[in-house]
N, C-alpha and C. Protein backbone atom coordinates (compact mmCIF):
# COMPACT_ATOMS: atom_id res chain seq x y z
N MET A 1 99.22 116.96 137.52
CA MET A 1 100.89 116.83 136.94
C MET A 1 101.00 115.00 137.02
N ALA A 2 100.11 114.34 137.75
CA ALA A 2 100.27 112.40 137.47
C ALA A 2 100.05 112.19 136.23
N VAL A 3 98.96 112.90 135.79
CA VAL A 3 98.46 112.49 134.49
C VAL A 3 99.30 112.93 133.18
N LEU A 4 99.94 114.33 133.40
CA LEU A 4 100.95 114.56 132.34
C LEU A 4 101.88 113.59 132.55
N ALA A 5 102.27 112.80 133.48
CA ALA A 5 103.20 111.98 134.02
C ALA A 5 103.46 111.01 133.23
N LEU A 6 102.12 110.37 133.23
CA LEU A 6 101.80 108.88 132.49
C LEU A 6 101.46 109.51 130.92
N LEU A 7 100.97 110.43 130.72
CA LEU A 7 100.57 110.84 129.26
C LEU A 7 101.82 111.52 128.50
N VAL A 8 102.57 111.45 128.67
CA VAL A 8 103.58 112.35 127.82
C VAL A 8 104.27 110.83 127.24
N PRO A 9 104.95 110.14 128.24
CA PRO A 9 105.69 108.90 127.25
C PRO A 9 105.07 108.20 126.31
N SER A 10 103.27 107.66 126.87
CA SER A 10 103.17 107.08 126.12
C SER A 10 102.68 107.33 124.70
N LEU A 11 102.36 109.20 125.04
CA LEU A 11 102.46 109.65 123.57
C LEU A 11 103.59 110.00 122.57
N MET A 12 104.68 109.97 123.23
CA MET A 12 106.36 109.28 123.09
C MET A 12 106.22 108.29 121.80
N LEU A 13 105.89 107.36 122.69
CA LEU A 13 106.09 105.75 122.50
C LEU A 13 105.18 105.72 120.91
N GLY A 14 103.74 106.22 121.02
CA GLY A 14 103.02 106.45 119.80
C GLY A 14 103.15 107.15 118.78
N VAL A 15 104.19 108.16 119.00
CA VAL A 15 104.69 108.91 117.63
C VAL A 15 105.67 108.27 116.87
N ILE A 16 106.94 107.26 117.72
CA ILE A 16 107.72 106.77 117.53
C ILE A 16 107.36 105.44 116.52
N LEU A 17 106.51 104.77 117.12
CA LEU A 17 105.74 103.79 116.29
C LEU A 17 105.20 104.32 114.90
N MET A 18 104.64 105.07 115.12
CA MET A 18 104.00 105.94 113.92
C MET A 18 105.05 106.20 112.87
N LEU A 19 106.29 106.82 113.47
CA LEU A 19 107.35 107.10 112.33
C LEU A 19 107.75 106.03 111.54
N GLY A 20 107.59 104.85 112.24
CA GLY A 20 108.50 103.51 111.84
C GLY A 20 107.29 102.96 110.83
N ARG A 21 106.33 103.07 111.23
CA ARG A 21 105.48 102.47 110.22
C ARG A 21 105.47 103.45 109.02
N TYR A 22 105.75 104.83 108.90
CA TYR A 22 105.43 105.83 107.70
C TYR A 22 106.92 105.27 107.12
N GLU A 23 107.74 104.82 107.96
CA GLU A 23 109.03 104.97 106.87
C GLU A 23 108.94 103.70 106.18
N ASP A 24 108.49 102.78 106.78
CA ASP A 24 108.34 101.76 105.82
C ASP A 24 107.17 101.71 104.48
N HIS A 25 106.38 102.96 104.72
CA HIS A 25 105.30 103.46 103.19
C HIS A 25 106.48 104.42 102.39
N VAL A 26 107.24 105.05 102.88
CA VAL A 26 108.05 106.11 102.25
C VAL A 26 109.04 105.41 101.15
N LEU A 27 110.21 104.60 102.32
CA LEU A 27 111.51 103.85 101.86
C LEU A 27 111.00 102.84 100.74
N PRO A 28 111.92 102.89 99.58
CA PRO A 28 111.79 101.84 98.40
C PRO A 28 112.00 100.56 99.30
N PRO A 29 111.54 99.24 99.05
CA PRO A 29 111.71 97.96 99.75
C PRO A 29 113.04 97.76 99.22
N ARG A 30 113.79 96.93 100.29
CA ARG A 30 115.37 96.61 100.51
C ARG A 30 115.58 95.69 99.30
N GLU A 31 116.64 96.01 98.80
CA GLU A 31 116.57 94.82 97.80
C GLU A 31 117.07 93.18 98.88
N ALA A 32 117.31 92.15 98.15
CA ALA A 32 117.76 90.90 98.97
C ALA A 32 118.99 91.34 99.31
N GLU A 33 119.79 91.08 100.35
CA GLU A 33 121.19 90.96 100.61
C GLU A 33 121.85 89.44 100.09
N PRO A 34 122.81 89.27 99.16
CA PRO A 34 123.17 88.26 99.14
C PRO A 34 123.71 87.32 100.51
N GLU A 35 124.09 86.19 100.12
CA GLU A 35 124.58 85.49 101.47
C GLU A 35 125.86 86.26 101.70
N PRO A 36 126.06 85.53 102.59
CA PRO A 36 127.70 85.81 103.53
C PRO A 36 128.90 85.50 102.98
N GLY A 37 129.04 84.68 101.81
CA GLY A 37 129.92 83.75 101.23
C GLY A 37 130.04 84.33 99.88
N HIS A 38 128.89 85.07 99.43
CA HIS A 38 128.93 85.56 97.96
C HIS A 38 129.52 87.07 97.78
N ARG A 39 130.27 86.81 96.46
CA ARG A 39 131.22 88.04 96.19
C ARG A 39 130.55 88.18 95.21
N SER A 40 130.46 89.88 94.81
CA SER A 40 130.15 90.34 93.68
C SER A 40 131.31 90.94 92.72
N VAL A 41 131.84 90.27 91.29
CA VAL A 41 132.49 90.38 90.51
C VAL A 41 131.75 91.15 89.30
N GLU A 42 131.26 91.81 89.74
CA GLU A 42 130.50 92.71 88.35
C GLU A 42 131.56 93.55 88.03
N GLY A 43 132.51 94.47 89.25
CA GLY A 43 133.25 95.26 88.97
C GLY A 43 134.48 94.94 88.70
N LEU A 44 134.85 93.76 88.34
CA LEU A 44 136.03 93.16 88.47
C LEU A 44 136.36 92.95 87.05
N ARG A 45 135.25 92.55 86.23
CA ARG A 45 135.36 92.49 85.02
C ARG A 45 135.24 93.77 83.92
N GLY A 46 136.41 93.80 83.06
CA GLY A 46 136.62 94.87 82.33
C GLY A 46 135.69 95.05 81.05
């Protein structure tokens, strides 16, 4: 039982870390976000 109590959290952490790496490969890269003071005016011009 003691081995199980030490093994389960380690396995859960490993799974979470592997899912994070998998997510990096599956999702498209994020576009660079503009600076906080920058406003987009594309929709304002008709």
